[in-house]
Amino acid sequence: MRSLELFSGCGGLALGTARAGFEHVRMVEWNADACATLALNKRNQVEHARDWPFIQGDVRAMSWGDIDGALDLVAGGPPCQPFSIGGKHAGNEDARDMWPEAIRAVREVRPRAFLFENVKGLLRPAFAEYLEWITTYLAVPALGKWADETHAEHLARLRDYKTRADYDVRVLKVNAADYGAPQKRHRVVVAGVRRDLGVTLPAFAPTHSREALLWDQWVTGEYWKRHRMAPPAGGPATDADLRLIARMRAVGHRPAEKAWVTVRDAIRGLGAPNGKNGHVFQDGARVYVGHTGSPLDEPAKALKAGDHGVPGGENMMVRDDGSVRYFTIREAARLQGLPDDWSFATSWTESMRQLGNAVPTQLAEALGRWMAGALSSPTGAAKRAA
């Protein structure tokens, strides 16, 4: 299936959807450092990246009419700073808001489906009307905004046309850990399928669970055996965990999902930082209010791009002795599901910024397979062939 990828960053979403079977016919990213990362992996002939036709440029200056052939998917992660909890909360008043450009691409390309990822802050009550504008405009992308029209006026006009929508639009709140990423990364996904295909997106069901992890850790002990270590003397972290474990023991069978993937699982085999392949020690990690690091035996807290030029203080692990250190680039890349031959062309700070902005490839692949499954259904496939 053919896709157009916007706001590609260092390639997390693109790699995940490529693994799910999508061929990117064009990728666009404006940031020079992120493009340097994409170019480096293309030169290194990394799987999938070796074939990526990416362009460094501003999507606002792009025309999509020269793309040959029909597209199955438009995907991307519009810059999240306008809606991020840690940002300035300016929303659609922020010059970095690229949702209008994502919608323009859907209007001009008219793909069979679209898939956009953003921060959970987009669901905040303060942005409720803007989220409705995004989803309603994506449903009727041909109904453009007039130059002198406010968002509220445009939304009112869009509402009048919603019954004649071109796309069925879904908004999902997801946790990347529920789809195999070793990271508790809560995100919003806005997805849609063209109505004339007669396709309905199924539920996006989790494949991994915290309950299954607790079962492996505290019912069978399989987790500790795999890591060749004794369980921590203190036992489960909270009373709520103890109650949940007791209920699972009473039921007597393991949850059906796979276990959440932990930090210890993700970095297994890397050993201590050795100065090679991005596995380089970075000094300066410390605990402070609101930034306490990630325990090894849970999925990591969400990697952050940070503000004022530095990565977030949560980009560190809590070791078994209680001390903390920053994740190396290689460890952070594993937390985002990038392979060990995925290289970064810039400094630790800039590489961590790219990683903090990336979509975990495990989540991206799950979303890609979810979308590809719907488009490849008998109805969707017949419409594509027609």
Protein backbone atom coordinates (compact mmCIF):
# COMPACT_ATOMS: atom_id res chain seq x y z
CA MET A 1 0.00 0.00 0.00
CA ARG A 2 1.23 3.50 -0.87
CA SER A 3 1.52 6.28 1.68
CA LEU A 4 2.49 9.92 2.07
CA GLU A 5 4.30 10.66 5.33
CA LEU A 6 4.28 14.18 6.80
CA PHE A 7 6.35 15.53 9.71
CA SER A 8 8.62 12.47 9.58
CA GLY A 9 11.04 13.44 12.38
CA CYS A 10 13.67 10.77 12.97
CA GLY A 11 11.45 8.10 11.41
CA GLY A 12 9.51 6.29 14.17
CA LEU A 13 6.06 6.43 12.58
CA ALA A 14 7.46 5.83 9.09
CA LEU A 15 9.39 2.75 10.22
CA GLY A 16 6.38 1.28 12.03
CA THR A 17 4.00 1.75 9.11
CA ALA A 18 6.66 0.42 6.70
CA ARG A 19 6.88 -2.72 8.82
CA ALA A 20 3.10 -2.95 8.54
CA GLY A 21 3.36 -3.02 4.74
CA PHE A 22 3.12 0.61 3.62
CA GLU A 23 5.48 1.96 0.96
CA HIS A 24 6.22 5.66 1.47
CA VAL A 25 6.15 7.40 -1.92
CA ARG A 26 7.13 10.70 -0.28
CA MET A 27 8.25 11.81 3.17
CA VAL A 28 8.60 15.42 4.31
CA GLU A 29 10.47 16.85 7.31
CA TRP A 30 11.69 20.44 7.76
CA ASN A 31 14.14 20.01 10.68
CA ALA A 32 17.72 19.74 9.39
CA ASP A 33 18.95 17.53 12.25
CA ALA A 34 16.09 15.06 11.83
CA CYS A 35 16.75 14.99 8.08
CA ALA A 36 20.42 14.28 8.81
CA THR A 37 19.30 11.25 10.83
CA LEU A 38 17.06 10.03 7.99
CA ALA A 39 19.85 10.58 5.46
CA LEU A 40 22.39 8.72 7.58
CA ASN A 41 20.17 5.65 7.88
CA LYS A 42 19.40 5.79 4.17
CA ARG A 43 23.14 5.85 3.38
CA ASN A 44 23.72 3.01 5.84
CA GLN A 45 21.14 0.94 3.96
CA VAL A 46 19.09 0.28 7.10
CA GLU A 47 16.07 -1.87 6.33
CA HIS A 48 13.13 0.19 5.04
CA ALA A 49 15.02 3.48 5.41
CA ARG A 50 17.24 2.61 2.45
CA ASP A 51 14.25 3.16 0.15
CA TRP A 52 12.77 6.31 1.69
CA PRO A 53 12.25 9.26 -0.69
CA PHE A 54 12.34 12.00 1.93
CA ILE A 55 12.43 15.72 1.28
CA GLN A 56 13.67 18.44 3.62
CA GLY A 57 11.11 21.21 3.35
CA ASP A 58 8.19 23.10 4.81
CA VAL A 59 4.84 21.37 4.23
CA ARG A 60 3.22 24.81 3.88
CA ALA A 61 5.17 25.30 0.65
CA MET A 62 4.35 21.84 -0.72
CA SER A 63 1.85 20.92 -3.39
CA TRP A 64 0.70 17.32 -3.39
CA GLY A 65 -0.88 17.26 -6.84
CA ASP A 66 2.27 15.92 -8.51
CA ILE A 67 2.15 12.56 -6.68
CA ASP A 68 1.47 9.91 -9.31
CA GLY A 69 -1.22 7.35 -8.66
CA ALA A 70 -3.72 6.84 -5.86
CA LEU A 71 -2.60 6.84 -2.25
CA ASP A 72 -3.84 4.47 0.41
CA LEU A 73 -2.68 6.50 3.41
CA VAL A 74 -1.62 9.95 4.57
CA ALA A 75 0.13 9.71 7.94
CA GLY A 76 2.14 11.88 10.27
CA GLY A 77 2.56 13.49 13.65
CA PRO A 78 1.74 17.21 13.38
CA PRO A 79 4.02 19.20 15.74
CA CYS A 80 2.65 18.73 19.24
CA GLN A 81 4.06 21.76 21.06
CA PRO A 82 0.85 23.84 20.71
CA PHE A 83 -1.05 21.19 22.70
CA SER A 84 1.64 19.69 24.93
CA ILE A 85 1.20 19.82 28.71
CA GLY A 86 4.77 21.12 28.92
CA GLY A 87 4.34 23.70 26.17
CA LYS A 88 2.81 27.15 26.00
CA HIS A 89 -0.74 25.82 25.36
CA ALA A 90 -1.39 28.25 22.51
CA GLY A 91 -3.22 25.63 20.42
CA ASN A 92 -4.37 26.91 17.03
CA GLU A 93 -2.91 30.33 17.86
CA ASP A 94 0.58 28.79 17.82
CA ALA A 95 2.46 29.28 14.55
CA ARG A 96 3.72 25.69 14.88
CA ASP A 97 0.22 24.25 14.61
CA MET A 98 0.33 22.13 11.46
CA TRP A 99 -3.11 20.51 11.65
CA PRO A 100 -4.36 22.76 8.82
CA GLU A 101 -1.55 21.41 6.64
CA ALA A 102 -2.32 17.80 7.53
CA ILE A 103 -5.94 18.43 6.53
CA ARG A 104 -4.87 20.17 3.30
CA ALA A 105 -2.85 17.09 2.35
CA VAL A 106 -5.93 14.90 2.85
CA ARG A 107 -8.01 17.31 0.77
CA GLU A 108 -5.53 17.41 -2.13
CA VAL A 109 -4.53 13.73 -2.15
CA ARG A 110 -7.89 12.21 -1.18
CA PRO A 111 -6.29 9.04 0.25
CA ARG A 112 -8.29 5.98 1.15
CA ALA A 113 -7.36 6.59 4.79
CA PHE A 114 -5.37 8.84 7.10
CA LEU A 115 -3.58 8.33 10.40
CA PHE A 116 -2.32 11.18 12.60
CA GLU A 117 -0.70 11.01 16.04
CA ASN A 118 -0.52 13.74 18.67
CA VAL A 119 -0.07 14.36 22.40
CA LYS A 120 -2.82 13.56 24.90
CA GLY A 121 -2.99 17.29 25.67
CA LEU A 122 -5.12 17.64 22.54
CA LEU A 123 -7.96 16.09 24.59
CA ARG A 124 -7.83 18.81 27.24
CA PRO A 125 -11.14 20.70 27.68
CA ALA A 126 -9.44 23.93 26.60
CA PHE A 127 -8.93 22.43 23.13
CA ALA A 128 -12.31 20.66 22.79
CA GLU A 129 -13.67 23.01 20.15
CA TYR A 130 -10.43 22.90 18.18
CA LEU A 131 -10.37 19.09 18.27
CA GLU A 132 -13.95 19.12 16.97
CA TRP A 133 -12.80 21.48 14.20
CA ILE A 134 -9.96 19.08 13.31
CA THR A 135 -12.14 15.97 13.20
CA THR A 136 -15.07 17.63 11.43
CA TYR A 137 -12.79 19.26 8.86
CA LEU A 138 -11.09 15.89 8.23
CA ALA A 139 -14.55 14.40 7.69
CA VAL A 140 -15.33 17.09 5.09
CA PRO A 141 -11.86 18.19 3.90
CA ALA A 142 -13.15 19.76 0.68
CA LEU A 143 -15.01 22.45 2.64
CA GLY A 144 -12.08 24.83 3.05
CA LYS A 145 -11.76 27.69 5.47
CA TRP A 146 -12.38 31.16 4.02
CA ALA A 147 -9.64 33.74 4.50
CA ASP A 148 -11.77 36.01 6.71
CA GLU A 149 -13.47 33.17 8.59
CA THR A 150 -12.79 32.34 12.24
CA HIS A 151 -12.37 28.75 13.42
CA ALA A 152 -15.74 29.00 15.17
CA GLU A 153 -17.47 30.21 12.00
CA HIS A 154 -15.80 27.54 9.90
CA LEU A 155 -16.76 24.86 12.43
CA ALA A 156 -20.40 25.97 12.28
CA ARG A 157 -20.33 25.62 8.49
CA LEU A 158 -18.61 22.21 8.73
CA ARG A 159 -21.26 20.94 11.14
CA ASP A 160 -23.94 21.70 8.57
CA TYR A 161 -22.19 19.43 6.06
CA LYS A 162 -21.18 16.63 8.44
CA THR A 163 -24.03 14.35 7.34
CA ARG A 164 -22.46 14.40 3.87
CA ALA A 165 -18.98 13.58 5.17
CA ASP A 166 -16.37 12.02 2.89
CA TYR A 167 -14.53 10.30 5.76
CA ASP A 168 -15.50 8.43 8.90
CA VAL A 169 -13.21 9.79 11.61
CA ARG A 170 -12.15 8.12 14.86
CA VAL A 171 -10.31 9.62 17.84
CA LEU A 172 -8.40 7.10 19.96
CA LYS A 173 -6.61 7.60 23.27
CA VAL A 174 -3.80 5.04 23.43
CA ASN A 175 -0.94 3.99 25.68
CA ALA A 176 2.05 2.75 23.68
CA ALA A 177 2.82 0.19 26.41
CA ASP A 178 -0.44 -1.56 25.53
CA TYR A 179 0.97 -2.28 22.06
CA GLY A 180 4.42 -3.59 22.96
CA ALA A 181 6.45 -0.42 23.48
CA PRO A 182 8.58 -0.44 26.66
CA GLN A 183 7.22 3.01 27.47
CA LYS A 184 4.08 4.43 29.10
CA ARG A 185 3.45 6.94 26.37
CA HIS A 186 -0.13 8.23 26.25
CA ARG A 187 -1.11 9.65 22.88
CA VAL A 188 -4.10 10.64 20.76
CA VAL A 189 -4.65 9.11 17.34
CA VAL A 190 -6.97 10.67 14.77
CA ALA A 191 -7.76 8.14 12.06
CA GLY A 192 -10.22 8.04 9.20
CA VAL A 193 -11.35 5.95 6.24
CA ARG A 194 -13.08 7.20 3.11
CA ARG A 195 -16.78 6.46 3.28
CA ASP A 196 -17.16 5.31 -0.30
CA LEU A 197 -14.99 2.28 0.51
CA GLY A 198 -17.69 0.82 2.73
CA VAL A 199 -15.06 -0.07 5.33
CA THR A 200 -15.50 0.14 9.09
CA LEU A 201 -12.45 0.41 11.30
CA PRO A 202 -12.58 -2.31 13.97
CA ALA A 203 -11.71 -1.71 17.61
CA PHE A 204 -8.03 -1.01 18.17
CA ALA A 205 -7.55 -3.70 20.81
CA PRO A 206 -4.49 -3.72 23.12
CA THR A 207 -2.02 -6.56 22.62
CA HIS A 208 -0.10 -6.15 25.92
CA SER A 209 -1.19 -5.48 29.50
CA ARG A 210 0.08 -4.50 32.91
CA GLU A 211 -1.90 -7.37 34.40
CA ALA A 212 0.04 -9.90 32.34
CA LEU A 213 3.31 -8.33 33.49
CA LEU A 214 2.27 -8.57 37.15
CA TRP A 215 1.30 -12.20 36.57
CA ASP A 216 4.74 -13.01 35.14
CA GLN A 217 6.48 -11.12 37.92
CA TRP A 218 4.50 -12.05 41.03
CA VAL A 219 2.42 -15.15 40.27
CA THR A 220 4.77 -17.39 38.28
CA GLY A 221 8.02 -15.46 38.75
CA GLU A 222 8.86 -16.11 35.10
CA TYR A 223 9.98 -12.52 34.61
CA TRP A 224 12.69 -12.74 37.30
CA LYS A 225 13.83 -16.14 36.06
CA ARG A 226 14.26 -14.74 32.57
CA HIS A 227 16.47 -11.97 33.92
CA ARG A 228 18.31 -14.38 36.25
CA MET A 229 17.64 -12.37 39.38
CA ALA A 230 15.73 -12.64 42.63
CA PRO A 231 12.49 -10.69 43.01
CA PRO A 232 12.91 -7.40 44.89
CA ALA A 233 12.54 -7.95 48.63
CA GLY A 234 9.82 -5.34 48.92
CA GLY A 235 7.44 -7.18 46.59
CA PRO A 236 4.89 -5.37 44.41
CA ALA A 237 5.08 -1.60 44.48
CA THR A 238 1.59 -0.71 45.68
CA ASP A 239 -1.36 -2.06 47.64
CA ALA A 240 -3.41 -1.84 44.46
CA ASP A 241 -0.94 -4.20 42.77
CA LEU A 242 -1.26 -6.64 45.68
CA ARG A 243 -5.05 -6.65 45.40
CA LEU A 244 -4.90 -7.17 41.64
CA ILE A 245 -2.42 -10.03 41.99
CA ALA A 246 -4.65 -11.66 44.61
CA ARG A 247 -7.66 -11.46 42.28
CA MET A 248 -5.69 -12.98 39.40
CA ARG A 249 -4.50 -15.82 41.62
CA ALA A 250 -8.10 -16.47 42.67
CA VAL A 251 -9.19 -16.63 39.02
CA GLY A 252 -6.30 -18.98 38.33
CA HIS A 253 -5.28 -18.17 34.78
CA ARG A 254 -2.97 -15.70 33.10
CA PRO A 255 -4.39 -12.68 31.23
CA ALA A 256 -4.63 -13.30 27.50
CA GLU A 257 -2.47 -10.37 26.43
CA LYS A 258 1.30 -10.34 26.27
CA ALA A 259 3.07 -8.74 29.22
CA TRP A 260 4.03 -5.09 29.14
CA VAL A 261 7.65 -4.77 28.04
CA THR A 262 9.85 -3.25 30.74
CA VAL A 263 12.98 -1.11 30.62
CA ARG A 264 14.98 -4.14 31.77
CA ASP A 265 13.52 -6.17 28.89
CA ALA A 266 14.28 -3.44 26.36
CA ILE A 267 17.93 -2.85 27.26
CA ARG A 268 18.77 -6.49 27.89
CA GLY A 269 22.13 -7.41 26.43
CA LEU A 270 23.45 -3.87 26.09
CA GLY A 271 25.37 -3.87 29.37
CA ALA A 272 26.94 -0.73 30.82
CA PRO A 273 27.59 2.22 28.47
CA ASN A 274 30.66 1.37 26.42
CA GLY A 275 31.08 4.39 24.15
CA LYS A 276 30.03 2.48 21.02
CA ASN A 277 27.03 2.75 18.70
CA GLY A 278 25.40 5.55 20.67
CA HIS A 279 25.74 3.67 23.96
CA VAL A 280 27.63 6.53 25.60
CA PHE A 281 27.39 7.61 29.25
CA GLN A 282 26.00 11.11 29.76
CA ASP A 283 26.78 12.80 33.07
CA GLY A 284 24.47 15.07 35.06
CA ALA A 285 21.38 12.97 35.81
CA ARG A 286 19.67 13.92 39.06
CA VAL A 287 16.29 13.55 40.74
CA TYR A 288 14.19 16.66 41.26
CA VAL A 289 10.52 17.46 41.80
CA GLY A 290 8.43 15.81 39.12
CA HIS A 291 11.43 14.05 37.55
CA THR A 292 12.29 10.81 39.25
CA GLY A 293 13.32 8.55 36.38
CA SER A 294 12.03 5.19 35.23
CA PRO A 295 12.23 1.99 37.31
CA LEU A 296 13.76 -0.92 35.43
CA ASP A 297 10.91 -3.37 35.94
CA GLU A 298 8.13 -1.30 34.38
CA PRO A 299 7.79 0.34 30.98
CA ALA A 300 9.66 3.64 31.00
CA LYS A 301 7.94 6.93 31.59
CA ALA A 302 7.47 8.79 28.32
CA LEU A 303 10.67 10.09 26.80
CA LYS A 304 10.46 13.85 26.47
CA ALA A 305 11.89 16.24 23.94
CA GLY A 306 12.29 18.82 26.69
CA ASP A 307 12.24 22.60 26.57
CA HIS A 308 14.90 25.30 26.41
CA GLY A 309 17.24 23.01 24.46
CA VAL A 310 17.54 20.14 26.97
CA PRO A 311 15.85 16.74 27.18
CA GLY A 312 13.35 16.16 29.95
CA GLY A 313 14.62 14.96 33.31
CA GLU A 314 12.52 11.83 32.95
CA ASN A 315 14.93 10.53 30.30
CA MET A 316 16.80 8.51 32.90
CA MET A 317 16.65 5.11 34.57
CA VAL A 318 16.53 4.21 38.25
CA ARG A 319 19.11 1.47 38.74
CA ASP A 320 18.75 -1.44 41.16
CA ASP A 321 20.76 0.41 43.82
CA GLY A 322 18.42 3.43 43.62
CA SER A 323 20.86 5.67 41.74
CA VAL A 324 19.90 7.32 38.46
CA ARG A 325 21.61 7.92 35.14
CA TYR A 326 20.49 9.25 31.79
CA PHE A 327 19.46 6.77 29.14
CA THR A 328 22.07 6.52 26.42
CA ILE A 329 20.97 7.21 22.86
CA ARG A 330 21.00 3.46 22.15
CA GLU A 331 18.84 2.69 25.20
CA ALA A 332 16.38 5.45 24.32
CA ALA A 333 16.24 4.18 20.74
CA ARG A 334 15.33 0.73 22.04
CA LEU A 335 12.57 2.28 24.16
CA GLN A 336 11.21 3.75 20.92
CA GLY A 337 11.54 0.44 19.08
CA LEU A 338 14.29 1.55 16.71
CA PRO A 339 16.75 -1.18 15.69
CA ASP A 340 20.34 -1.20 16.92
CA ASP A 341 21.62 -0.25 13.46
CA TRP A 342 19.56 2.97 13.56
CA SER A 343 22.06 5.82 13.91
CA PHE A 344 21.81 9.48 14.87
CA ALA A 345 23.89 12.14 13.17
CA THR A 346 23.91 14.75 15.92
CA SER A 347 24.68 15.37 19.60
CA TRP A 348 23.19 13.52 22.57
CA THR A 349 20.91 16.48 23.34
CA GLU A 350 19.59 16.78 19.80
CA SER A 351 19.30 13.00 19.37
CA MET A 352 17.29 12.76 22.59
CA ARG A 353 15.08 15.60 21.36
CA GLN A 354 14.36 13.62 18.18
CA LEU A 355 13.67 10.47 20.19
CA GLY A 356 11.41 12.39 22.59
CA ASN A 357 9.34 13.58 19.63
CA ALA A 358 9.18 10.19 17.88
CA VAL A 359 6.26 7.77 17.69
CA PRO A 360 7.26 4.39 19.17
CA THR A 361 7.62 2.03 16.24
CA GLN A 362 5.72 -0.71 18.08
CA LEU A 363 2.66 1.57 18.34
CA ALA A 364 3.14 2.77 14.76
CA GLU A 365 3.31 -0.79 13.45
CA ALA A 366 0.21 -1.79 15.41
CA LEU A 367 -1.67 1.20 14.00
CA GLY A 368 -0.40 0.44 10.51
CA ARG A 369 -1.52 -3.19 10.70
CA TRP A 370 -4.88 -2.08 12.09
CA MET A 371 -5.37 0.28 9.16
CA ALA A 372 -3.97 -2.12 6.55
CA GLY A 373 -6.27 -4.86 7.83
CA ALA A 374 -9.33 -2.68 7.29
CA LEU A 375 -8.22 -1.52 3.84
CA SER A 376 -7.37 -5.10 2.83
CA SER A 377 -10.75 -6.48 3.90
CA PRO A 378 -12.79 -7.96 1.04
CA THR A 379 -14.80 -4.73 0.70
CA GLY A 380 -11.77 -2.45 0.91
CA ALA A 381 -9.68 -4.53 -1.46
CA ALA A 382 -12.50 -4.67 -4.05
CA LYS A 383 -12.91 -0.89 -3.94
CA ARG A 384 -9.13 -0.43 -4.34
CA ALA A 385 -9.05 -2.70 -7.37
CA ALA A 386 -11.98 -0.84 -8.90
